[in-house]
Amino acid sequence: MFDENSPLYDVPIETLGLSEDALQELKRVGITSIGDCLDHYARGKNAMMPATSGFLHAMANEVKQKLQQHGYVIPGEPDA
């Protein structure tokens, strides 16, 4: 899992510049920080989608892309 002691753990997901739909869906299921997102990805490649029943594949890709654009390494993904 993502290091909860990292100062990045509590960075709000709003800093990623996600679409309003993706942002609201993440918040609906309690994902409010970068650490929360990375924790979900650490559980497996498709962990983000099952965690949010209304979370479309495109939104999951958007979140992953934005995390990578901001320099975060997605657990289980090859480094870009």
Protein backbone atom coordinates (compact mmCIF):
# COMPACT_ATOMS: atom_id res chain seq x y z
CA MET A 1 0.00 0.00 0.00
CA PHE A 2 0.97 3.63 -0.36
CA ASP A 3 3.01 4.97 2.58
CA GLU A 4 0.51 6.69 4.86
CA ASN A 5 3.39 8.60 6.48
CA SER A 6 4.22 10.30 3.20
CA PRO A 7 3.20 13.96 3.07
CA LEU A 8 1.70 13.18 -0.34
CA TYR A 9 -0.80 10.74 1.17
CA ASP A 10 -3.24 13.49 2.13
CA VAL A 11 -2.94 15.61 -1.02
CA PRO A 12 -6.54 16.24 -2.16
CA ILE A 13 -7.65 14.59 -5.39
CA GLU A 14 -8.79 18.01 -6.61
CA THR A 15 -5.12 18.79 -7.35
CA LEU A 16 -5.19 16.27 -10.21
CA GLY A 17 -7.50 18.35 -12.41
CA LEU A 18 -9.99 15.52 -12.91
CA SER A 19 -13.29 15.96 -14.69
CA GLU A 20 -16.19 16.83 -12.42
CA ASP A 21 -17.80 13.42 -13.04
CA ALA A 22 -14.68 11.51 -12.01
CA LEU A 23 -14.10 13.76 -9.01
CA GLN A 24 -17.66 13.38 -7.73
CA GLU A 25 -17.67 9.60 -8.21
CA LEU A 26 -14.42 9.23 -6.27
CA LYS A 27 -15.73 11.40 -3.46
CA ARG A 28 -19.00 9.46 -3.40
CA VAL A 29 -17.12 6.32 -2.36
CA GLY A 30 -14.78 8.12 0.05
CA ILE A 31 -11.70 8.51 -2.13
CA THR A 32 -10.57 12.02 -1.29
CA SER A 33 -6.77 11.95 -1.46
CA ILE A 34 -3.92 10.86 -3.71
CA GLY A 35 -3.10 8.20 -1.13
CA ASP A 36 -6.63 6.80 -1.30
CA CYS A 37 -6.32 6.49 -5.09
CA LEU A 38 -2.93 4.82 -4.94
CA ASP A 39 -4.14 2.44 -2.23
CA HIS A 40 -6.94 1.29 -4.52
CA TYR A 41 -4.54 0.71 -7.40
CA ALA A 42 -2.17 -1.19 -5.09
CA ARG A 43 -4.95 -3.74 -4.55
CA GLY A 44 -4.80 -4.79 -8.20
CA LYS A 45 -4.96 -3.51 -11.73
CA ASN A 46 -8.73 -3.07 -11.81
CA ALA A 47 -9.33 -2.27 -8.14
CA MET A 48 -10.50 1.27 -8.82
CA MET A 49 -13.46 0.20 -10.97
CA PRO A 50 -15.01 -2.39 -8.60
CA ALA A 51 -14.66 0.07 -5.72
CA THR A 52 -17.02 2.44 -7.46
CA SER A 53 -19.98 0.78 -9.13
CA GLY A 54 -20.75 3.77 -11.34
CA PHE A 55 -17.12 4.33 -12.21
CA LEU A 56 -16.75 3.92 -15.95
CA HIS A 57 -13.62 2.52 -17.53
CA ALA A 58 -12.89 5.93 -19.10
CA MET A 59 -12.97 7.59 -15.67
CA ALA A 60 -10.58 4.98 -14.25
CA ASN A 61 -8.21 5.67 -17.14
CA GLU A 62 -8.54 9.41 -16.54
CA VAL A 63 -7.58 9.04 -12.88
CA LYS A 64 -4.58 6.84 -13.72
CA GLN A 65 -3.42 9.22 -16.46
CA LYS A 66 -3.71 12.28 -14.21
CA LEU A 67 -1.81 10.55 -11.39
CA GLN A 68 0.98 9.66 -13.83
CA GLN A 69 1.03 13.18 -15.30
CA HIS A 70 1.62 14.50 -11.80
CA GLY A 71 4.54 12.11 -11.29
CA TYR A 72 2.85 9.46 -9.16
CA VAL A 73 3.79 5.83 -9.78
CA ILE A 74 0.76 3.57 -10.02
CA PRO A 75 1.36 0.41 -7.98
CA GLY A 76 1.58 -2.63 -10.25
CA GLU A 77 2.13 -0.56 -13.39
CA PRO A 78 5.46 -0.32 -15.22
CA ASP A 79 7.18 3.01 -14.65
CA ALA A 80 6.66 5.36 -17.59
